[in-house]
PDB file of all heavy atoms in Angstrom:
ATOM      1  N   GLU A   1      99.597  86.769 111.703  1.00  0.00           N
ATOM      2  CA  GLU A   1      98.375  86.249 112.321  1.00  0.00           C
ATOM      3  C   GLU A   1      97.661  87.260 113.190  1.00  0.00           C
ATOM      4  O   GLU A   1      96.464  87.102 113.484  1.00  0.00           O
ATOM      5  CB  GLU A   1      98.713  84.996 113.148  1.00  0.00           C
ATOM      6  CG  GLU A   1      99.150  83.811 112.302  1.00  0.00           C
ATOM      7  CD  GLU A   1      99.143  82.510 113.080  1.00  0.00           C
ATOM      8  OE1 GLU A   1      98.841  82.542 114.296  1.00  0.00           O
ATOM      9  OE2 GLU A   1      99.415  81.455 112.464  1.00  0.00           O
ATOM     10  N   ALA A   2      98.343  88.308 113.595  1.00  0.00           N
ATOM     11  CA  ALA A   2      97.736  89.269 114.513  1.00  0.00           C
ATOM     12  C   ALA A   2      96.759  90.215 113.830  1.00  0.00           C
ATOM     13  O   ALA A   2      96.072  90.985 114.502  1.00  0.00           O
ATOM     14  CB  ALA A   2      98.836  90.073 115.209  1.00  0.00           C
ATOM     15  N   ILE A   3      96.666  90.181 112.509  1.00  0.00           N
ATOM     16  CA  ILE A   3      95.807  91.114 111.790  1.00  0.00           C
ATOM     17  C   ILE A   3      94.958  90.347 110.784  1.00  0.00           C
ATOM     18  O   ILE A   3      95.431  89.399 110.147  1.00  0.00           O
ATOM     19  CB  ILE A   3      96.645  92.199 111.079  1.00  0.00           C
ATOM     20  CG1 ILE A   3      95.745  93.282 110.467  1.00  0.00           C
ATOM     21  CG2 ILE A   3      97.587  91.620 110.045  1.00  0.00           C
ATOM     22  CD1 ILE A   3      96.531  94.493 109.965  1.00  0.00           C
ATOM     23  N   ALA A   4      93.703  90.721 110.672  1.00  0.00           N
ATOM     24  CA  ALA A   4      92.827  90.144 109.650  1.00  0.00           C
ATOM     25  C   ALA A   4      93.009  90.915 108.350  1.00  0.00           C
ATOM     26  O   ALA A   4      93.207  92.131 108.362  1.00  0.00           O
ATOM     27  CB  ALA A   4      91.374  90.202 110.099  1.00  0.00           C
ATOM     28  N   VAL A   5      92.947  90.198 107.241  1.00  0.00           N
ATOM     29  CA  VAL A   5      93.211  90.807 105.938  1.00  0.00           C
ATOM     30  C   VAL A   5      92.047  90.487 105.003  1.00  0.00           C
ATOM     31  O   VAL A   5      91.652  89.329 104.870  1.00  0.00           O
ATOM     32  CB  VAL A   5      94.530  90.276 105.336  1.00  0.00           C
ATOM     33  CG1 VAL A   5      94.775  90.884 103.959  1.00  0.00           C
ATOM     34  CG2 VAL A   5      95.699  90.568 106.275  1.00  0.00           C
ATOM     35  N   VAL A   6      91.525  91.534 104.357  1.00  0.00           N
ATOM     36  CA  VAL A   6      90.431  91.367 103.398  1.00  0.00           C
ATOM     37  C   VAL A   6      90.963  91.701 102.014  1.00  0.00           C
ATOM     38  O   VAL A   6      91.415  92.837 101.773  1.00  0.00           O
ATOM     39  CB  VAL A   6      89.230  92.267 103.736  1.00  0.00           C
ATOM     40  CG1 VAL A   6      88.080  92.010 102.764  1.00  0.00           C
ATOM     41  CG2 VAL A   6      88.770  92.037 105.172  1.00  0.00           C
ATOM     42  N   ILE A   7      90.951  90.717 101.117  1.00  0.00           N
ATOM     43  CA  ILE A   7      91.493  90.923  99.771  1.00  0.00           C
ATOM     44  C   ILE A   7      90.504  90.422  98.716  1.00  0.00           C
ATOM     45  O   ILE A   7      89.655  89.576  98.984  1.00  0.00           O
ATOM     46  CB  ILE A   7      92.847  90.200  99.569  1.00  0.00           C
ATOM     47  CG1 ILE A   7      92.702  88.691  99.778  1.00  0.00           C
ATOM     48  CG2 ILE A   7      93.914  90.790 100.477  1.00  0.00           C
ATOM     49  CD1 ILE A   7      93.935  87.905  99.400  1.00  0.00           C
ATOM     50  N   GLY A   8      90.663  90.930  97.507  1.00  0.00           N
ATOM     51  CA  GLY A   8      89.849  90.501  96.389  1.00  0.00           C
ATOM     52  C   GLY A   8      90.591  89.479  95.537  1.00  0.00           C
ATOM     53  O   GLY A   8      91.813  89.560  95.371  1.00  0.00           O
ATOM     54  N   PHE A   9      89.838  88.518  94.982  1.00  0.00           N
ATOM     55  CA  PHE A   9      90.456  87.496  94.128  1.00  0.00           C
ATOM     56  C   PHE A   9      89.385  86.896  93.216  1.00  0.00           C
ATOM     57  O   PHE A   9      88.186  86.952  93.520  1.00  0.00           O
ATOM     58  CB  PHE A   9      91.105  86.403  94.983  1.00  0.00           C
ATOM     59  CG  PHE A   9      90.128  85.456  95.630  1.00  0.00           C
ATOM     60  CD1 PHE A   9      89.992  84.152  95.171  1.00  0.00           C
ATOM     61  CD2 PHE A   9      89.322  85.861  96.697  1.00  0.00           C
ATOM     62  CE1 PHE A   9      89.096  83.270  95.757  1.00  0.00           C
ATOM     63  CE2 PHE A   9      88.416  84.991  97.277  1.00  0.00           C
ATOM     64  CZ  PHE A   9      88.301  83.689  96.822  1.00  0.00           C
ATOM     65  N   PRO A  10      89.775  86.305  92.082  1.00  0.00           N
ATOM     66  CA  PRO A  10      88.813  85.619  91.230  1.00  0.00           C
ATOM     67  C   PRO A  10      88.622  84.187  91.723  1.00  0.00           C
ATOM     68  O   PRO A  10      89.545  83.381  91.692  1.00  0.00           O
ATOM     69  CB  PRO A  10      89.478  85.654  89.851  1.00  0.00           C
ATOM     70  CG  PRO A  10      90.935  85.666  90.140  1.00  0.00           C
ATOM     71  CD  PRO A  10      91.116  86.354  91.468  1.00  0.00           C
ATOM     72  N   GLU A  11      87.421  83.872  92.170  1.00  0.00           N
ATOM     73  CA  GLU A  11      87.159  82.582  92.795  1.00  0.00           C
ATOM     74  C   GLU A  11      86.524  81.623  91.781  1.00  0.00           C
ATOM     75  O   GLU A  11      85.462  81.908  91.228  1.00  0.00           O
ATOM     76  CB  GLU A  11      86.216  82.760  93.986  1.00  0.00           C
ATOM     77  CG  GLU A  11      85.857  81.460  94.676  1.00  0.00           C
ATOM     78  CD  GLU A  11      84.634  81.598  95.566  1.00  0.00           C
ATOM     79  OE1 GLU A  11      84.016  82.686  95.586  1.00  0.00           O
ATOM     80  OE2 GLU A  11      84.292  80.605  96.231  1.00  0.00           O
ATOM     81  N   ARG A  12      87.161  80.503  91.567  1.00  0.00           N
ATOM     82  CA  ARG A  12      86.616  79.472  90.696  1.00  0.00           C
ATOM     83  C   ARG A  12      85.859  78.447  91.544  1.00  0.00           C
ATOM     84  O   ARG A  12      86.386  77.911  92.509  1.00  0.00           O
ATOM     85  CB  ARG A  12      87.745  78.769  89.939  1.00  0.00           C
ATOM     86  CG  ARG A  12      87.306  77.567  89.123  1.00  0.00           C
ATOM     87  CD  ARG A  12      86.545  77.954  87.869  1.00  0.00           C
ATOM     88  NE  ARG A  12      87.422  78.571  86.888  1.00  0.00           N
ATOM     89  CZ  ARG A  12      86.992  79.108  85.760  1.00  0.00           C
ATOM     90  NH1 ARG A  12      85.697  79.127  85.503  1.00  0.00           N
ATOM     91  NH2 ARG A  12      87.848  79.650  84.908  1.00  0.00           N
ATOM     92  N   ASP A  13      84.598  78.225  91.191  1.00  0.00           N
ATOM     93  CA  ASP A  13      83.791  77.220  91.878  1.00  0.00           C
ATOM     94  C   ASP A  13      83.066  76.416  90.810  1.00  0.00           C
ATOM     95  O   ASP A  13      82.128  76.909  90.171  1.00  0.00           O
ATOM     96  CB  ASP A  13      82.795  77.881  92.824  1.00  0.00           C
ATOM     97  CG  ASP A  13      82.025  76.853  93.652  1.00  0.00           C
ATOM     98  OD1 ASP A  13      82.343  75.652  93.561  1.00  0.00           O
ATOM     99  OD2 ASP A  13      81.094  77.260  94.375  1.00  0.00           O
ATOM    100  N   GLY A  14      83.519  75.185  90.592  1.00  0.00           N
ATOM    101  CA  GLY A  14      82.975  74.388  89.508  1.00  0.00           C
ATOM    102  C   GLY A  14      83.335  75.030  88.182  1.00  0.00           C
ATOM    103  O   GLY A  14      84.479  75.366  87.914  1.00  0.00           O
ATOM    104  N   GLY A  15      82.357  75.245  87.357  1.00  0.00           N
ATOM    105  CA  GLY A  15      82.620  75.876  86.070  1.00  0.00           C
ATOM    106  C   GLY A  15      82.367  77.366  86.075  1.00  0.00           C
ATOM    107  O   GLY A  15      82.353  77.986  85.012  1.00  0.00           O
ATOM    108  N   ARG A  16      82.180  77.970  87.243  1.00  0.00           N
ATOM    109  CA  ARG A  16      81.851  79.388  87.340  1.00  0.00           C
ATOM    110  C   ARG A  16      82.971  80.177  88.006  1.00  0.00           C
ATOM    111  O   ARG A  16      83.685  79.661  88.864  1.00  0.00           O
ATOM    112  CB  ARG A  16      80.545  79.587  88.101  1.00  0.00           C
ATOM    113  CG  ARG A  16      79.339  79.008  87.376  1.00  0.00           C
ATOM    114  CD  ARG A  16      78.065  79.213  88.159  1.00  0.00           C
ATOM    115  NE  ARG A  16      76.909  78.732  87.414  1.00  0.00           N
ATOM    116  CZ  ARG A  16      75.662  78.773  87.862  1.00  0.00           C
ATOM    117  NH1 ARG A  16      75.418  79.268  89.070  1.00  0.00           N
ATOM    118  NH2 ARG A  16      74.664  78.332  87.115  1.00  0.00           N
ATOM    119  N   LEU A  17      83.071  81.429  87.590  1.00  0.00           N
ATOM    120  CA  LEU A  17      84.076  82.322  88.151  1.00  0.00           C
ATOM    121  C   LEU A  17      83.358  83.485  88.822  1.00  0.00           C
ATOM    122  O   LEU A  17      82.414  84.064  88.261  1.00  0.00           O
ATOM    123  CB  LEU A  17      84.995  82.839  87.045  1.00  0.00           C
ATOM    124  CG  LEU A  17      86.222  83.641  87.493  1.00  0.00           C
ATOM    125  CD1 LEU A  17      87.201  82.742  88.254  1.00  0.00           C
ATOM    126  CD2 LEU A  17      86.930  84.262  86.286  1.00  0.00           C
ATOM    127  N   TYR A  18      83.828  83.846  90.015  1.00  0.00           N
ATOM    128  CA  TYR A  18      83.212  84.928  90.774  1.00  0.00           C
ATOM    129  C   TYR A  18      84.243  86.005  91.092  1.00  0.00           C
ATOM    130  O   TYR A  18      85.419  85.700  91.313  1.00  0.00           O
ATOM    131  CB  TYR A  18      82.626  84.397  92.095  1.00  0.00           C
ATOM    132  CG  TYR A  18      81.517  83.395  91.907  1.00  0.00           C
ATOM    133  CD1 TYR A  18      81.815  82.024  91.855  1.00  0.00           C
ATOM    134  CD2 TYR A  18      80.194  83.795  91.778  1.00  0.00           C
ATOM    135  CE1 TYR A  18      80.810  81.089  91.680  1.00  0.00           C
ATOM    136  CE2 TYR A  18      79.181  82.861  91.600  1.00  0.00           C
ATOM    137  CZ  TYR A  18      79.493  81.514  91.557  1.00  0.00           C
ATOM    138  OH  TYR A  18      78.497  80.591  91.374  1.00  0.00           O
ATOM    139  N   ASN A  19      83.792  87.241  91.119  1.00  0.00           N
ATOM    140  CA  ASN A  19      84.598  88.360  91.617  1.00  0.00           C
ATOM    141  C   ASN A  19      84.388  88.378  93.127  1.00  0.00           C
ATOM    142  O   ASN A  19      83.345  88.833  93.604  1.00  0.00           O
ATOM    143  CB  ASN A  19      84.123  89.655  90.968  1.00  0.00           C
ATOM    144  CG  ASN A  19      84.954  90.864  91.385  1.00  0.00           C
ATOM    145  OD1 ASN A  19      85.665  90.816  92.384  1.00  0.00           O
ATOM    146  ND2 ASN A  19      84.843  91.949  90.639  1.00  0.00           N
ATOM    147  N   SER A  20      85.365  87.886  93.871  1.00  0.00           N
ATOM    148  CA  SER A  20      85.139  87.588  95.287  1.00  0.00           C
ATOM    149  C   SER A  20      86.076  88.355  96.208  1.00  0.00           C
ATOM    150  O   SER A  20      87.108  88.893  95.782  1.00  0.00           O
ATOM    151  CB  SER A  20      85.304  86.078  95.538  1.00  0.00           C
ATOM    152  OG  SER A  20      84.322  85.351  94.843  1.00  0.00           O
ATOM    153  N   ALA A  21      85.705  88.376  97.474  1.00  0.00           N
ATOM    154  CA  ALA A  21      86.540  88.927  98.538  1.00  0.00           C
ATOM    155  C   ALA A  21      86.668  87.873  99.624  1.00  0.00           C
ATOM    156  O   ALA A  21      85.686  87.194  99.962  1.00  0.00           O
ATOM    157  CB  ALA A  21      85.922  90.195  99.105  1.00  0.00           C
ATOM    158  N   ALA A  22      87.876  87.724 100.140  1.00  0.00           N
ATOM    159  CA  ALA A  22      88.128  86.745 101.199  1.00  0.00           C
ATOM    160  C   ALA A  22      88.657  87.436 102.440  1.00  0.00           C
ATOM    161  O   ALA A  22      89.421  88.409 102.351  1.00  0.00           O
ATOM    162  CB  ALA A  22      89.128  85.692 100.722  1.00  0.00           C
ATOM    163  N   VAL A  23      88.259  86.911 103.601  1.00  0.00           N
ATOM    164  CA  VAL A  23      88.783  87.391 104.882  1.00  0.00           C
ATOM    165  C   VAL A  23      89.753  86.336 105.399  1.00  0.00           C
ATOM    166  O   VAL A  23      89.375  85.183 105.636  1.00  0.00           O
ATOM    167  CB  VAL A  23      87.647  87.607 105.901  1.00  0.00           C
ATOM    168  CG1 VAL A  23      88.212  88.174 107.203  1.00  0.00           C
ATOM    169  CG2 VAL A  23      86.575  88.528 105.339  1.00  0.00           C
ATOM    170  N   LEU A  24      91.017  86.730 105.534  1.00  0.00           N
ATOM    171  CA  LEU A  24      92.071  85.829 105.987  1.00  0.00           C
ATOM    172  C   LEU A  24      92.506  86.231 107.392  1.00  0.00           C
ATOM    173  O   LEU A  24      92.787  87.400 107.648  1.00  0.00           O
ATOM    174  CB  LEU A  24      93.264  85.885 105.036  1.00  0.00           C
ATOM    175  CG  LEU A  24      92.973  85.695 103.544  1.00  0.00           C
ATOM    176  CD1 LEU A  24      94.255  85.808 102.739  1.00  0.00           C
ATOM    177  CD2 LEU A  24      92.301  84.359 103.289  1.00  0.00           C
TER     178      LEU A  24
END
């Protein structure tokens, strides 16, 4: 929890897929 992490993942939203990045 002490560090923020930025990673890439394939995000499914409805019928669409995105090349996405998330900040955790």
